[in-house]
């Protein structure tokens, strides 16, 4: 290519890099705002997005997740956009490094999710079950979210009704949530055991497996974008050496 054509190509890629990362920056700001909203007013989020959102809220603390993801996207968007606009090798290298770290972390998380599903369940049980015992029936928003989830998804606790043993709810009400007994009351241990209502983790995991194709496609698309972003940042970085 002639010098003019190469410069035109460089300028085009630079502009695309700026626009792409500007979109990432704005998206990160949006996610950060939504995360703060969910943290402050979880019930409104639940009312707008319905039972699906409540199901997700049980496995992942959505507010913190959105805040973290939003913050990361803000950083990535800023580094890519400002680095390309200022033609800063330092910022472009930082952008490449951050995206590479995220890409490696995603691959590692995917491997762990596929190979160690049981481990993931154990970790979630260790984190979520204590919250159920302490906050269900005491925290209004937390209780409402779990009630909607257990009713709509037809599940009980994270693993099963035994998650409520020695809980605040059981100690004060003397029974398990009625969702653990197919909505029959009073829900005692005998009726809960006979009802065989599965835990919400298993139900949500089944939903994920059912939609594994869609989830895999989305993950592959994100990975492709990350690889493309790293390639473009390296192209700009190397071309700056020639300028």
Protein backbone atom coordinates (compact mmCIF):
# COMPACT_ATOMS: atom_id res chain seq x y z
CA UNK A 1 0.00 0.00 0.00
CA UNK A 2 1.06 3.58 -0.64
CA UNK A 3 1.87 5.86 2.28
CA UNK A 4 -1.42 7.70 1.75
CA UNK A 5 -3.43 4.46 1.72
CA UNK A 6 -1.69 3.22 4.86
CA UNK A 7 -2.36 6.51 6.61
CA UNK A 8 -6.01 6.35 5.53
CA UNK A 9 -6.26 2.79 6.88
CA UNK A 10 -4.63 3.86 10.14
CA UNK A 11 -7.03 6.80 10.50
CA UNK A 12 -10.07 4.62 9.76
CA UNK A 13 -9.06 1.99 12.32
CA UNK A 14 -8.26 4.70 14.84
CA UNK A 15 -11.74 6.24 14.41
CA UNK A 16 -13.40 2.82 14.69
CA UNK A 17 -11.37 2.13 17.83
CA UNK A 18 -12.53 5.42 19.33
CA UNK A 19 -16.21 4.83 18.47
CA UNK A 20 -16.14 1.20 19.63
CA UNK A 21 -14.61 2.07 22.97
CA UNK A 22 -16.87 5.07 23.38
CA UNK A 23 -19.80 2.64 23.12
CA UNK A 24 -18.10 0.40 25.71
CA UNK A 25 -17.58 3.40 27.99
CA UNK A 26 -21.24 4.44 27.74
CA UNK A 27 -22.37 0.85 28.24
CA UNK A 28 -20.18 0.57 31.32
CA UNK A 29 -21.66 3.77 32.71
CA UNK A 30 -25.15 2.39 32.11
CA UNK A 31 -24.37 -0.90 33.87
CA UNK A 32 -22.78 0.97 36.75
CA UNK A 33 -25.91 3.10 37.10
CA UNK A 34 -28.19 0.05 36.97
CA UNK A 35 -26.02 -1.72 39.54
CA UNK A 36 -26.31 1.21 41.93
CA UNK A 37 -30.08 1.28 41.31
CA UNK A 38 -30.43 -2.45 42.07
CA UNK A 39 -28.37 -2.00 45.23
CA UNK A 40 -30.49 0.91 46.42
CA UNK A 41 -33.91 -0.28 45.22
CA UNK A 42 -33.89 -4.02 44.42
CA UNK A 43 -37.67 -4.38 44.59
CA UNK A 44 -38.26 -1.92 41.74
CA UNK A 45 -35.75 -3.85 39.62
CA UNK A 46 -37.57 -7.07 40.42
CA UNK A 47 -40.99 -5.59 39.60
CA UNK A 48 -39.81 -4.33 36.21
CA UNK A 49 -37.83 -7.38 35.06
CA UNK A 50 -39.94 -10.07 36.71
CA UNK A 51 -39.21 -13.60 37.85
CA UNK A 52 -36.17 -14.13 35.65
CA UNK A 53 -34.36 -11.31 37.38
CA UNK A 54 -35.28 -12.72 40.76
CA UNK A 55 -33.86 -16.11 39.76
CA UNK A 56 -30.57 -14.53 38.83
CA UNK A 57 -30.52 -12.51 42.04
CA UNK A 58 -30.40 -15.70 44.08
CA UNK A 59 -27.23 -17.09 42.49
CA UNK A 60 -25.40 -13.81 41.93
CA UNK A 61 -25.52 -10.54 43.81
CA UNK A 62 -26.61 -8.61 40.73
CA UNK A 63 -25.97 -5.16 42.15
CA UNK A 64 -22.31 -5.82 42.95
CA UNK A 65 -21.84 -7.78 39.72
CA UNK A 66 -23.19 -4.91 37.61
CA UNK A 67 -21.14 -2.36 39.54
CA UNK A 68 -17.94 -4.38 39.00
CA UNK A 69 -18.64 -5.08 35.32
CA UNK A 70 -19.69 -1.48 34.72
CA UNK A 71 -16.53 -0.17 36.38
CA UNK A 72 -14.33 -2.52 34.34
CA UNK A 73 -16.05 -1.46 31.10
CA UNK A 74 -15.60 2.20 32.03
CA UNK A 75 -11.87 1.63 32.49
CA UNK A 76 -11.56 -0.37 29.26
CA UNK A 77 -13.60 2.15 27.29
CA UNK A 78 -11.58 5.07 28.61
CA UNK A 79 -8.21 3.41 27.92
CA UNK A 80 -9.19 2.39 24.40
CA UNK A 81 -10.96 5.58 23.43
CA UNK A 82 -8.55 8.08 24.97
CA UNK A 83 -5.50 6.00 24.06
CA UNK A 84 -6.51 5.86 20.39
CA UNK A 85 -7.51 9.53 20.27
CA UNK A 86 -4.23 10.69 21.86
CA UNK A 87 -2.23 7.96 20.08
CA UNK A 88 -0.74 7.00 23.43
CA UNK A 89 1.31 3.82 23.35
CA UNK A 90 1.12 3.53 27.13
CA UNK A 91 -2.70 3.64 27.21
CA UNK A 92 -3.00 1.29 24.24
CA UNK A 93 -0.74 -1.23 25.95
CA UNK A 94 -2.75 -0.89 29.16
CA UNK A 95 -5.94 -1.45 27.15
CA UNK A 96 -4.46 -4.57 25.54
CA UNK A 97 -3.28 -5.90 28.92
CA UNK A 98 -6.65 -5.36 30.66
CA UNK A 99 -8.60 -7.03 27.83
CA UNK A 100 -6.11 -9.92 27.75
CA UNK A 101 -6.46 -10.46 31.50
CA UNK A 102 -10.26 -10.44 31.21
CA UNK A 103 -10.12 -12.85 28.25
CA UNK A 104 -7.91 -15.29 30.20
CA UNK A 105 -10.18 -14.99 33.25
CA UNK A 106 -13.25 -15.74 31.11
CA UNK A 107 -11.62 -18.81 29.60
CA UNK A 108 -10.60 -20.02 33.06
CA UNK A 109 -14.12 -19.38 34.42
CA UNK A 110 -15.66 -21.29 31.50
CA UNK A 111 -13.39 -24.27 32.13
CA UNK A 112 -14.18 -24.24 35.84
CA UNK A 113 -17.93 -23.93 35.12
CA UNK A 114 -17.83 -26.90 32.74
CA UNK A 115 -15.56 -29.16 34.77
CA UNK A 116 -16.33 -28.18 38.36
CA UNK A 117 -20.08 -27.56 38.46
CA UNK A 118 -20.23 -29.40 41.78
CA UNK A 119 -17.54 -27.13 43.17
CA UNK A 120 -19.52 -24.07 42.05
CA UNK A 121 -22.58 -25.42 43.86
CA UNK A 122 -20.51 -26.00 47.01
CA UNK A 123 -19.12 -22.47 46.92
CA UNK A 124 -22.56 -20.95 46.36
CA UNK A 125 -23.98 -23.03 49.18
CA UNK A 126 -21.29 -21.70 51.49
CA UNK A 127 -22.08 -18.12 50.50
CA UNK A 128 -25.85 -18.05 49.98
CA UNK A 129 -27.12 -20.48 52.61
CA UNK A 130 -25.87 -18.37 55.56
CA UNK A 131 -27.64 -15.36 54.04
CA UNK A 132 -30.87 -17.36 53.82
CA UNK A 133 -30.59 -18.34 57.45
CA UNK A 134 -29.85 -14.79 58.61
CA UNK A 135 -31.88 -12.52 56.31
CA UNK A 136 -34.92 -14.47 55.05
CA UNK A 137 -37.93 -13.18 56.97
CA UNK A 138 -35.88 -10.35 58.47
CA UNK A 139 -34.84 -8.31 55.41
CA UNK A 140 -38.01 -7.27 53.52
CA UNK A 141 -36.41 -6.85 50.09
CA UNK A 142 -34.35 -10.05 50.38
CA UNK A 143 -37.40 -12.03 51.50
CA UNK A 144 -39.58 -10.62 48.71
CA UNK A 145 -37.03 -11.53 46.04
CA UNK A 146 -36.70 -15.07 47.33
CA UNK A 147 -40.47 -15.51 47.63
CA UNK A 148 -41.01 -14.45 44.02
CA UNK A 149 -38.22 -16.76 42.85
CA UNK A 150 -39.40 -19.80 44.79
CA UNK A 151 -42.98 -19.26 43.64
CA UNK A 152 -42.29 -18.61 39.97
CA UNK A 153 -39.46 -21.13 39.51
CA UNK A 154 -41.15 -23.68 41.80
CA UNK A 155 -38.12 -24.25 44.00
CA UNK A 156 -37.11 -24.05 47.65
CA UNK A 157 -33.94 -22.54 49.06
CA UNK A 158 -30.66 -22.93 47.21
CA UNK A 159 -30.39 -26.72 47.61
CA UNK A 160 -33.70 -27.69 49.28
CA UNK A 161 -35.83 -27.01 52.34
CA UNK A 162 -33.01 -27.91 54.73
CA UNK A 163 -31.35 -24.57 53.89
CA UNK A 164 -33.91 -23.04 56.27
CA UNK A 165 -32.97 -25.23 59.23
CA UNK A 166 -31.93 -23.08 62.20
CA UNK A 167 -32.81 -19.98 60.20
CA UNK A 168 -34.40 -16.78 61.47
CA UNK A 169 -37.58 -17.68 59.58
CA UNK A 170 -37.81 -21.18 61.04
CA UNK A 171 -37.04 -20.01 64.55
CA UNK A 172 -39.73 -17.29 64.44
CA UNK A 173 -42.41 -19.03 62.33
CA UNK A 174 -41.85 -22.63 63.39
CA UNK A 175 -42.17 -23.85 59.78
CA UNK A 176 -40.54 -23.71 56.37
CA UNK A 177 -41.66 -21.32 53.61
CA UNK A 178 -44.84 -22.64 52.01
CA UNK A 179 -43.10 -22.88 48.62
CA UNK A 180 -41.13 -25.82 50.07
CA UNK A 181 -44.40 -27.74 50.48
CA UNK A 182 -46.11 -26.95 47.14
CA UNK A 183 -47.78 -23.92 48.77
CA UNK A 184 -49.36 -26.01 51.54
CA UNK A 185 -49.34 -24.72 55.10
CA UNK A 186 -48.10 -25.32 57.74
CA UNK A 187 -44.94 -26.53 55.99
CA UNK A 188 -43.21 -28.88 58.41
CA UNK A 189 -40.21 -31.12 57.75
CA UNK A 190 -42.35 -34.18 56.97
CA UNK A 191 -44.49 -32.38 54.39
CA UNK A 192 -41.44 -30.65 52.89
CA UNK A 193 -39.62 -33.97 52.48
CA UNK A 194 -42.69 -35.56 50.86
CA UNK A 195 -43.13 -32.63 48.47
CA UNK A 196 -39.68 -33.15 46.90
CA UNK A 197 -39.41 -29.51 45.83
CA UNK A 198 -35.92 -29.04 44.39
CA UNK A 199 -33.55 -26.22 45.24
CA UNK A 200 -33.39 -23.07 43.14
CA UNK A 201 -29.76 -23.68 42.15
CA UNK A 202 -30.69 -26.93 40.39
CA UNK A 203 -33.64 -25.30 38.67
CA UNK A 204 -31.61 -22.36 37.45
CA UNK A 205 -28.79 -24.68 36.37
CA UNK A 206 -31.29 -26.65 34.27
CA UNK A 207 -32.44 -23.41 32.64
CA UNK A 208 -28.83 -22.54 31.84
CA UNK A 209 -28.24 -26.00 30.34
CA UNK A 210 -31.41 -25.66 28.28
CA UNK A 211 -30.16 -22.37 26.87
CA UNK A 212 -26.53 -23.47 26.67
CA UNK A 213 -26.44 -22.90 22.90
CA UNK A 214 -27.48 -19.27 23.24
CA UNK A 215 -25.11 -18.70 26.17
CA UNK A 216 -22.26 -20.31 24.21
CA UNK A 217 -23.00 -18.14 21.18
CA UNK A 218 -22.99 -14.98 23.28
CA UNK A 219 -19.74 -16.05 24.98
CA UNK A 220 -18.13 -16.80 21.61
CA UNK A 221 -19.24 -13.40 20.29
CA UNK A 222 -17.77 -11.61 23.30
CA UNK A 223 -14.51 -13.56 22.95
CA UNK A 224 -14.32 -12.64 19.25
CA UNK A 225 -14.82 -8.95 20.08
CA UNK A 226 -12.11 -9.12 22.72
CA UNK A 227 -9.66 -10.74 20.31
CA UNK A 228 -10.50 -8.15 17.65
CA UNK A 229 -10.04 -5.32 20.17
CA UNK A 230 -6.64 -6.67 21.19
CA UNK A 231 -5.59 -7.05 17.55
CA UNK A 232 -6.65 -3.48 16.70
CA UNK A 233 -4.92 -2.02 19.75
CA UNK A 234 -1.70 -3.85 18.82
CA UNK A 235 -1.99 -2.63 15.21
CA UNK A 236 -2.28 0.97 16.38
CA UNK A 237 0.52 0.45 18.90
CA UNK A 238 2.88 -0.92 16.24
CA UNK A 239 1.97 1.73 13.69
CA UNK A 240 2.81 4.45 16.19
CA UNK A 241 6.39 3.14 16.16
CA UNK A 242 6.51 3.81 12.43
CA UNK A 243 5.12 7.34 12.62
